[in-house]
Amino acid sequence: MLRVLTLIAALAAFALPAHAEMTQDRLAEIAEALDPAVEKSGNVLRFVVEDVPVSVVSGKVQHRMRARP
């Protein structure tokens, strides 16, 4: 589980220029790079990394993201 979350964080860090803002769309692009079959429902992304199902819930207004296996 920690390995999956670390992978997501690393991809997010390297996928953006230092001045770029993380958006809902950009977060979805990163998830799609990990699993092309990502499911999107509002502010929730569901995908699988190394056989581990992951749900990412993000809040545009709160500027927060939570990932759970």
Protein backbone atom coordinates (compact mmCIF):
# COMPACT_ATOMS: atom_id res chain seq x y z
CA MET A 1 0.00 0.00 0.00
CA LEU A 2 2.72 2.49 0.94
CA ARG A 3 4.56 1.59 -2.25
CA VAL A 4 1.48 2.45 -4.33
CA LEU A 5 0.97 5.80 -2.60
CA THR A 6 4.66 6.60 -2.96
CA LEU A 7 4.46 5.84 -6.68
CA ILE A 8 1.47 8.17 -7.09
CA ALA A 9 3.22 10.97 -5.19
CA ALA A 10 6.43 10.54 -7.19
CA LEU A 11 4.61 10.64 -10.51
CA ALA A 12 2.73 13.74 -9.45
CA ALA A 13 5.94 15.47 -8.40
CA PHE A 14 7.82 14.69 -11.60
CA ALA A 15 4.87 15.12 -13.93
CA LEU A 16 4.51 18.83 -13.20
CA PRO A 17 6.86 21.76 -13.69
CA ALA A 18 7.69 23.48 -10.40
CA HIS A 19 5.31 26.35 -11.15
CA ALA A 20 2.38 24.23 -12.38
CA GLU A 21 -0.81 23.80 -10.40
CA MET A 22 -2.28 20.38 -9.70
CA THR A 23 -5.78 20.30 -11.14
CA GLN A 24 -8.51 17.66 -11.20
CA ASP A 25 -7.74 17.05 -14.89
CA ARG A 26 -4.00 16.70 -14.27
CA LEU A 27 -4.64 14.27 -11.42
CA ALA A 28 -6.81 12.20 -13.79
CA GLU A 29 -3.99 12.20 -16.38
CA ILE A 30 -1.57 10.83 -13.79
CA ALA A 31 -4.05 8.13 -12.76
CA GLU A 32 -4.58 7.21 -16.43
CA ALA A 33 -0.81 6.83 -16.84
CA LEU A 34 -0.90 4.27 -14.02
CA ASP A 35 -4.05 2.49 -15.23
CA PRO A 36 -5.68 3.34 -18.58
CA ALA A 37 -8.94 1.84 -17.27
CA VAL A 38 -9.32 4.49 -14.54
CA GLU A 39 -12.93 5.10 -13.49
CA LYS A 40 -13.93 8.73 -12.96
CA SER A 41 -16.98 9.77 -10.95
CA GLY A 42 -17.11 13.43 -9.97
CA ASN A 43 -14.11 14.10 -7.76
CA VAL A 44 -13.31 10.38 -7.27
CA LEU A 45 -10.84 8.36 -9.35
CA ARG A 46 -10.66 4.57 -9.03
CA PHE A 47 -7.84 2.56 -10.57
CA VAL A 48 -5.51 -0.38 -9.95
CA VAL A 49 -1.73 -0.28 -9.41
CA GLU A 50 0.17 -3.56 -9.09
CA ASP A 51 -3.09 -5.42 -8.34
CA VAL A 52 -3.97 -2.95 -5.58
CA PRO A 53 -7.27 -1.08 -6.08
CA VAL A 54 -6.86 2.63 -5.30
CA SER A 55 -9.48 5.34 -4.79
CA VAL A 56 -8.40 8.98 -4.94
CA VAL A 57 -10.80 11.62 -3.65
CA SER A 58 -9.88 15.24 -4.33
CA GLY A 59 -11.45 18.54 -3.41
CA LYS A 60 -10.98 21.45 -5.79
CA VAL A 61 -12.15 24.06 -3.30
CA GLN A 62 -10.23 22.60 -0.35
CA HIS A 63 -7.07 21.94 -2.43
CA ARG A 64 -6.81 18.45 -0.93
CA MET A 65 -6.38 14.90 -2.14
CA ARG A 66 -6.74 11.60 -0.30
CA ALA A 67 -5.77 8.20 -1.69
CA ARG A 68 -6.89 4.90 -0.19
CA PRO A 69 -6.18 1.37 -1.30
